[in-house]
PDB file of N, CA and C in Angstrom:
ATOM      1  N   MET A   1     -47.131-121.133 104.733  1.00  0.00           N
ATOM      2  CA  MET A   1     -47.782-120.355 105.752  1.00  0.00           C
ATOM      3  C   MET A   1     -48.581-121.307 106.636  1.00  0.00           C
ATOM      4  N   CYS A   2     -48.624-121.020 107.924  1.00  0.00           N
ATOM      5  CA  CYS A   2     -49.392-121.858 108.850  1.00  0.00           C
ATOM      6  C   CYS A   2     -50.557-121.055 109.430  1.00  0.00           C
ATOM      7  N   LEU A   3     -51.465-121.748 110.082  1.00  0.00           N
ATOM      8  CA  LEU A   3     -52.645-121.121 110.665  1.00  0.00           C
ATOM      9  C   LEU A   3     -52.262-120.030 111.658  1.00  0.00           C
ATOM     10  N   PHE A   4     -51.183-120.207 112.363  1.00  0.00           N
ATOM     11  CA  PHE A   4     -50.719-119.234 113.344  1.00  0.00           C
ATOM     12  C   PHE A   4     -50.397-117.881 112.700  1.00  0.00           C
ATOM     13  N   ASP A   5     -50.023-117.868 111.434  1.00  0.00           N
ATOM     14  CA  ASP A   5     -49.642-116.641 110.734  1.00  0.00           C
ATOM     15  C   ASP A   5     -50.835-115.760 110.361  1.00  0.00           C
ATOM     16  N   LEU A   6     -52.045-116.318 110.327  1.00  0.00           N
ATOM     17  CA  LEU A   6     -53.225-115.547 109.944  1.00  0.00           C
ATOM     18  C   LEU A   6     -53.685-114.656 111.084  1.00  0.00           C
ATOM     19  N   ARG A   7     -54.264-113.536 110.744  1.00  0.00           N
ATOM     20  CA  ARG A   7     -54.828-112.594 111.704  1.00  0.00           C
ATOM     21  C   ARG A   7     -56.354-112.686 111.636  1.00  0.00           C
ATOM     22  N   PRO A   8     -57.055-112.198 112.652  1.00  0.00           N
ATOM     23  CA  PRO A   8     -58.523-112.247 112.628  1.00  0.00           C
ATOM     24  C   PRO A   8     -59.091-111.644 111.343  1.00  0.00           C
ATOM     25  N   GLY A   9     -60.037-112.372 110.735  1.00  0.00           N
ATOM     26  CA  GLY A   9     -60.652-111.954 109.484  1.00  0.00           C
ATOM     27  C   GLY A   9     -60.017-112.566 108.252  1.00  0.00           C
ATOM     28  N   GLN A  10     -58.831-113.141 108.382  1.00  0.00           N
ATOM     29  CA  GLN A  10     -58.158-113.741 107.238  1.00  0.00           C
ATOM     30  C   GLN A  10     -58.577-115.200 107.084  1.00  0.00           C
ATOM     31  N   ARG A  11     -58.503-115.675 105.823  1.00  0.00           N
ATOM     32  CA  ARG A  11     -58.899-117.043 105.497  1.00  0.00           C
ATOM     33  C   ARG A  11     -57.749-117.794 104.838  1.00  0.00           C
ATOM     34  N   GLY A  12     -57.845-119.104 104.885  1.00  0.00           N
ATOM     35  CA  GLY A  12     -56.878-119.956 104.208  1.00  0.00           C
ATOM     36  C   GLY A  12     -57.483-121.322 103.965  1.00  0.00           C
ATOM     37  N   LEU A  13     -56.872-122.074 103.063  1.00  0.00           N
ATOM     38  CA  LEU A  13     -57.307-123.435 102.765  1.00  0.00           C
ATOM     39  C   LEU A  13     -56.275-124.406 103.334  1.00  0.00           C
ATOM     40  N   VAL A  14     -56.755-125.445 103.979  1.00  0.00           N
ATOM     41  CA  VAL A  14     -55.856-126.421 104.588  1.00  0.00           C
ATOM     42  C   VAL A  14     -55.038-127.111 103.499  1.00  0.00           C
ATOM     43  N   LYS A  15     -53.739-127.130 103.696  1.00  0.00           N
ATOM     44  CA  LYS A  15     -52.821-127.823 102.786  1.00  0.00           C
ATOM     45  C   LYS A  15     -52.454-129.176 103.390  1.00  0.00           C
ATOM     46  N   ASN A  16     -51.977-129.168 104.625  1.00  0.00           N
ATOM     47  CA  ASN A  16     -51.689-130.413 105.353  1.00  0.00           C
ATOM     48  C   ASN A  16     -51.483-130.123 106.835  1.00  0.00           C
ATOM     49  N   ILE A  17     -51.501-131.191 107.616  1.00  0.00           N
ATOM     50  CA  ILE A  17     -51.280-131.103 109.061  1.00  0.00           C
ATOM     51  C   ILE A  17     -50.084-131.974 109.376  1.00  0.00           C
ATOM     52  N   ILE A  18     -49.075-131.388 110.022  1.00  0.00           N
ATOM     53  CA  ILE A  18     -47.866-132.149 110.333  1.00  0.00           C
ATOM     54  C   ILE A  18     -47.724-132.279 111.846  1.00  0.00           C
ATOM     55  N   GLY A  19     -46.766-133.071 112.256  1.00  0.00           N
ATOM     56  CA  GLY A  19     -46.473-133.176 113.687  1.00  0.00           C
ATOM     57  C   GLY A  19     -47.277-134.254 114.368  1.00  0.00           C
ATOM     58  N   ASP A  20     -47.926-133.882 115.443  1.00  0.00           N
ATOM     59  CA  ASP A  20     -48.662-134.777 116.313  1.00  0.00           C
ATOM     60  C   ASP A  20     -49.742-135.556 115.557  1.00  0.00           C
ATOM     61  N   GLU A  21     -49.652-136.887 115.568  1.00  0.00           N
ATOM     62  CA  GLU A  21     -50.619-137.722 114.852  1.00  0.00           C
ATOM     63  C   GLU A  21     -52.002-137.667 115.502  1.00  0.00           C
ATOM     64  N   LYS A  22     -52.039-137.540 116.829  1.00  0.00           N
ATOM     65  CA  LYS A  22     -53.329-137.419 117.520  1.00  0.00           C
ATOM     66  C   LYS A  22     -54.065-136.157 117.064  1.00  0.00           C
ATOM     67  N   LEU A  23     -53.327-135.069 116.937  1.00  0.00           N
ATOM     68  CA  LEU A  23     -53.913-133.815 116.471  1.00  0.00           C
ATOM     69  C   LEU A  23     -54.469-133.990 115.063  1.00  0.00           C
ATOM     70  N   ALA A  24     -53.698-134.592 114.181  1.00  0.00           N
ATOM     71  CA  ALA A  24     -54.134-134.781 112.799  1.00  0.00           C
ATOM     72  C   ALA A  24     -55.405-135.628 112.738  1.00  0.00           C
ATOM     73  N   LYS A  25     -55.473-136.684 113.517  1.00  0.00           N
ATOM     74  CA  LYS A  25     -56.662-137.546 113.528  1.00  0.00           C
ATOM     75  C   LYS A  25     -57.874-136.811 114.082  1.00  0.00           C
ATOM     76  N   ARG A  26     -57.670-136.060 115.159  1.00  0.00           N
ATOM     77  CA  ARG A  26     -58.771-135.325 115.776  1.00  0.00           C
ATOM     78  C   ARG A  26     -59.326-134.275 114.816  1.00  0.00           C
ATOM     79  N   LEU A  27     -58.434-133.534 114.164  1.00  0.00           N
ATOM     80  CA  LEU A  27     -58.883-132.494 113.245  1.00  0.00           C
ATOM     81  C   LEU A  27     -59.534-133.080 111.990  1.00  0.00           C
ATOM     82  N   SER A  28     -59.005-134.189 111.495  1.00  0.00           N
ATOM     83  CA  SER A  28     -59.629-134.795 110.318  1.00  0.00           C
ATOM     84  C   SER A  28     -61.006-135.349 110.657  1.00  0.00           C
ATOM     85  N   ALA A  29     -61.210-135.824 111.882  1.00  0.00           N
ATOM     86  CA  ALA A  29     -62.537-136.282 112.315  1.00  0.00           C
ATOM     87  C   ALA A  29     -63.526-135.127 112.365  1.00  0.00           C
ATOM     88  N   LEU A  30     -63.031-133.917 112.609  1.00  0.00           N
ATOM     89  CA  LEU A  30     -63.878-132.727 112.635  1.00  0.00           C
ATOM     90  C   LEU A  30     -64.083-132.129 111.243  1.00  0.00           C
ATOM     91  N   GLY A  31     -63.444-132.703 110.224  1.00  0.00           N
ATOM     92  CA  GLY A  31     -63.605-132.216 108.863  1.00  0.00           C
ATOM     93  C   GLY A  31     -62.508-131.297 108.395  1.00  0.00           C
ATOM     94  N   CYS A  32     -61.449-131.177 109.144  1.00  0.00           N
ATOM     95  CA  CYS A  32     -60.311-130.341 108.758  1.00  0.00           C
ATOM     96  C   CYS A  32     -59.382-131.168 107.875  1.00  0.00           C
ATOM     97  N   ILE A  33     -59.734-131.243 106.590  1.00  0.00           N
ATOM     98  CA  ILE A  33     -58.950-132.022 105.635  1.00  0.00           C
ATOM     99  C   ILE A  33     -58.447-131.082 104.539  1.00  0.00           C
ATOM    100  N   GLU A  34     -57.624-131.595 103.654  1.00  0.00           N
ATOM    101  CA  GLU A  34     -57.054-130.773 102.595  1.00  0.00           C
ATOM    102  C   GLU A  34     -58.163-130.083 101.791  1.00  0.00           C
ATOM    103  N   GLY A  35     -58.009-128.784 101.611  1.00  0.00           N
ATOM    104  CA  GLY A  35     -58.960-127.997 100.840  1.00  0.00           C
ATOM    105  C   GLY A  35     -60.048-127.339 101.664  1.00  0.00           C
ATOM    106  N   THR A  36     -60.138-127.630 102.949  1.00  0.00           N
ATOM    107  CA  THR A  36     -61.143-127.023 103.820  1.00  0.00           C
ATOM    108  C   THR A  36     -60.786-125.566 104.106  1.00  0.00           C
ATOM    109  N   GLU A  37     -61.775-124.678 103.984  1.00  0.00           N
ATOM    110  CA  GLU A  37     -61.527-123.267 104.263  1.00  0.00           C
ATOM    111  C   GLU A  37     -61.611-123.010 105.763  1.00  0.00           C
ATOM    112  N   ILE A  38     -60.662-122.234 106.259  1.00  0.00           N
ATOM    113  CA  ILE A  38     -60.612-121.848 107.669  1.00  0.00           C
ATOM    114  C   ILE A  38     -60.607-120.326 107.748  1.00  0.00           C
ATOM    115  N   LEU A  39     -61.446-119.792 108.638  1.00  0.00           N
ATOM    116  CA  LEU A  39     -61.500-118.356 108.905  1.00  0.00           C
ATOM    117  C   LEU A  39     -61.066-118.138 110.347  1.00  0.00           C
ATOM    118  N   VAL A  40     -60.104-117.252 110.547  1.00  0.00           N
ATOM    119  CA  VAL A  40     -59.689-116.910 111.910  1.00  0.00           C
ATOM    120  C   VAL A  40     -60.656-115.846 112.410  1.00  0.00           C
ATOM    121  N   LYS A  41     -61.406-116.183 113.465  1.00  0.00           N
ATOM    122  CA  LYS A  41     -62.403-115.262 114.006  1.00  0.00           C
ATOM    123  C   LYS A  41     -61.818-114.330 115.051  1.00  0.00           C
ATOM    124  N   ASN A  42     -61.001-114.885 115.950  1.00  0.00           N
ATOM    125  CA  ASN A  42     -60.499-114.079 117.054  1.00  0.00           C
ATOM    126  C   ASN A  42     -59.310-114.779 117.695  1.00  0.00           C
ATOM    127  N   THR A  43     -58.534-114.013 118.432  1.00  0.00           N
ATOM    128  CA  THR A  43     -57.465-114.595 119.234  1.00  0.00           C
ATOM    129  C   THR A  43     -57.599-114.060 120.651  1.00  0.00           C
ATOM    130  N   ALA A  44     -57.179-114.851 121.608  1.00  0.00           N
ATOM    131  CA  ALA A  44     -57.197-114.419 123.002  1.00  0.00           C
ATOM    132  C   ALA A  44     -56.176-113.292 123.182  1.00  0.00           C
ATOM    133  N   PRO A  45     -56.311-112.502 124.238  1.00  0.00           N
ATOM    134  CA  PRO A  45     -55.395-111.367 124.438  1.00  0.00           C
ATOM    135  C   PRO A  45     -53.905-111.740 124.407  1.00  0.00           C
ATOM    136  N   LEU A  46     -53.545-112.889 124.918  1.00  0.00           N
ATOM    137  CA  LEU A  46     -52.139-113.296 124.888  1.00  0.00           C
ATOM    138  C   LEU A  46     -51.825-114.204 123.703  1.00  0.00           C
ATOM    139  N   GLY A  47     -52.792-114.352 122.779  1.00  0.00           N
ATOM    140  CA  GLY A  47     -52.558-115.119 121.564  1.00  0.00           C
ATOM    141  C   GLY A  47     -52.890-116.596 121.675  1.00  0.00           C
ATOM    142  N   ASP A  48     -53.347-117.059 122.804  1.00  0.00           N
ATOM    143  CA  ASP A  48     -53.623-118.490 122.964  1.00  0.00           C
ATOM    144  C   ASP A  48     -54.908-118.664 123.754  1.00  0.00           C
ATOM    145  N   PRO A  49     -55.953-119.255 123.257  1.00  0.00           N
ATOM    146  CA  PRO A  49     -56.107-119.966 121.994  1.00  0.00           C
ATOM    147  C   PRO A  49     -56.542-119.045 120.843  1.00  0.00           C
ATOM    148  N   ILE A  50     -56.617-119.640 119.670  1.00  0.00           N
ATOM    149  CA  ILE A  50     -57.087-118.970 118.462  1.00  0.00           C
ATOM    150  C   ILE A  50     -58.454-119.568 118.141  1.00  0.00           C
ATOM    151  N   ILE A  51     -59.452-118.718 117.889  1.00  0.00           N
ATOM    152  CA  ILE A  51     -60.794-119.185 117.544  1.00  0.00           C
ATOM    153  C   ILE A  51     -60.923-119.168 116.028  1.00  0.00           C
ATOM    154  N   ILE A  52     -61.235-120.328 115.453  1.00  0.00           N
ATOM    155  CA  ILE A  52     -61.387-120.439 114.004  1.00  0.00           C
ATOM    156  C   ILE A  52     -62.793-120.918 113.673  1.00  0.00           C
ATOM    157  N   LYS A  53     -63.220-120.607 112.455  1.00  0.00           N
ATOM    158  CA  LYS A  53     -64.493-121.117 111.942  1.00  0.00           C
ATOM    159  C   LYS A  53     -64.152-122.144 110.882  1.00  0.00           C
ATOM    160  N   LEU A  54     -64.715-123.336 111.054  1.00  0.00           N
ATOM    161  CA  LEU A  54     -64.364-124.472 110.209  1.00  0.00           C
ATOM    162  C   LEU A  54     -65.637-125.251 109.912  1.00  0.00           C
ATOM    163  N   ARG A  55     -66.039-125.330 108.660  1.00  0.00           N
ATOM    164  CA  ARG A  55     -67.226-126.089 108.254  1.00  0.00           C
ATOM    165  C   ARG A  55     -68.476-125.713 109.044  1.00  0.00           C
ATOM    166  N   GLY A  56     -68.623-124.429 109.339  1.00  0.00           N
ATOM    167  CA  GLY A  56     -69.834-123.949 109.981  1.00  0.00           C
ATOM    168  C   GLY A  56     -69.837-123.938 111.498  1.00  0.00           C
ATOM    169  N   PHE A  57     -68.756-124.323 112.137  1.00  0.00           N
ATOM    170  CA  PHE A  57     -68.699-124.263 113.600  1.00  0.00           C
ATOM    171  C   PHE A  57     -67.392-123.628 114.046  1.00  0.00           C
ATOM    172  N   ASP A  58     -67.413-123.111 115.271  1.00  0.00           N
ATOM    173  CA  ASP A  58     -66.229-122.471 115.839  1.00  0.00           C
ATOM    174  C   ASP A  58     -65.419-123.490 116.624  1.00  0.00           C
ATOM    175  N   LEU A  59     -64.106-123.343 116.565  1.00  0.00           N
ATOM    176  CA  LEU A  59     -63.191-124.261 117.224  1.00  0.00           C
ATOM    177  C   LEU A  59     -62.043-123.459 117.814  1.00  0.00           C
ATOM    178  N   ALA A  60     -61.663-123.773 119.031  1.00  0.00           N
ATOM    179  CA  ALA A  60     -60.521-123.125 119.681  1.00  0.00           C
ATOM    180  C   ALA A  60     -59.300-124.010 119.498  1.00  0.00           C
ATOM    181  N   ILE A  61     -58.230-123.436 118.984  1.00  0.00           N
ATOM    182  CA  ILE A  61     -56.983-124.156 118.705  1.00  0.00           C
ATOM    183  C   ILE A  61     -55.858-123.511 119.498  1.00  0.00           C
ATOM    184  N   ARG A  62     -55.018-124.338 120.110  1.00  0.00           N
ATOM    185  CA  ARG A  62     -53.836-123.806 120.806  1.00  0.00           C
ATOM    186  C   ARG A  62     -52.824-123.299 119.795  1.00  0.00           C
ATOM    187  N   LYS A  63     -52.006-122.351 120.231  1.00  0.00           N
ATOM    188  CA  LYS A  63     -50.962-121.784 119.364  1.00  0.00           C
ATOM    189  C   LYS A  63     -50.048-122.863 118.815  1.00  0.00           C
ATOM    190  N   LYS A  64     -49.607-123.772 119.698  1.00  0.00           N
ATOM    191  CA  LYS A  64     -48.652-124.799 119.247  1.00  0.00           C
ATOM    192  C   LYS A  64     -49.281-125.730 118.220  1.00  0.00           C
ATOM    193  N   ASP A  65     -50.597-125.963 118.310  1.00  0.00           N
ATOM    194  CA  ASP A  65     -51.273-126.792 117.318  1.00  0.00           C
ATOM    195  C   ASP A  65     -51.486-126.019 116.018  1.00  0.00           C
ATOM    196  N   ALA A  66     -51.766-124.723 116.121  1.00  0.00           N
ATOM    197  CA  ALA A  66     -51.972-123.891 114.934  1.00  0.00           C
ATOM    198  C   ALA A  66     -50.705-123.822 114.079  1.00  0.00           C
ATOM    199  N   LYS A  67     -49.556-123.942 114.705  1.00  0.00           N
ATOM    200  CA  LYS A  67     -48.293-123.911 113.958  1.00  0.00           C
ATOM    201  C   LYS A  67     -48.078-125.183 113.143  1.00  0.00           C
ATOM    202  N   ASN A  68     -48.856-126.233 113.403  1.00  0.00           N
ATOM    203  CA  ASN A  68     -48.738-127.498 112.666  1.00  0.00           C
ATOM    204  C   ASN A  68     -49.745-127.621 111.530  1.00  0.00           C
ATOM    205  N   ILE A  69     -50.614-126.639 111.376  1.00  0.00           N
ATOM    206  CA  ILE A  69     -51.627-126.663 110.313  1.00  0.00           C
ATOM    207  C   ILE A  69     -51.167-125.720 109.209  1.00  0.00           C
ATOM    208  N   TYR A  70     -50.752-126.294 108.089  1.00  0.00           N
ATOM    209  CA  TYR A  70     -50.244-125.495 106.972  1.00  0.00           C
ATOM    210  C   TYR A  70     -51.352-125.199 105.989  1.00  0.00           C
ATOM    211  N   LEU A  71     -51.337-123.959 105.483  1.00  0.00           N
ATOM    212  CA  LEU A  71     -52.402-123.454 104.620  1.00  0.00           C
ATOM    213  C   LEU A  71     -51.854-122.970 103.305  1.00  0.00           C
ATOM    214  N   LYS A  72     -52.756-122.900 102.317  1.00  0.00           N
ATOM    215  CA  LYS A  72     -52.467-122.184 101.078  1.00  0.00           C
ATOM    216  C   LYS A  72     -53.449-121.028 101.001  1.00  0.00           C
ATOM    217  N   GLU A  73     -53.177-120.051 100.194  1.00  0.00           N
ATOM    218  CA  GLU A  73     -54.021-118.859 100.110  1.00  0.00           C
ATOM    219  C   GLU A  73     -55.437-119.221  99.698  1.00  0.00           C
ATOM    220  N   ALA A  74     -56.412-118.542 100.279  1.00  0.00           N
ATOM    221  CA  ALA A  74     -57.833-118.788  99.951  1.00  0.00           C
ATOM    222  C   ALA A  74     -58.220-117.989  98.720  1.00  0.00           C
TER     223      ALA A  74
END
């Protein structure tokens, strides 16, 4: 399951980040590493971006980037 599959209010734990290496480095610098809990707070009306809560702060993620963040059940 990927971050894109979650709906507002659902949670997941980061399993891994695939694809774009720049994205993986940027997210790991923000603390998005394996085992980090992510809560989907909201999505824009057309689904892009997705607002997530990660380590106590909110972050907006594009749909295409959310599809590269794989999760396991929280």
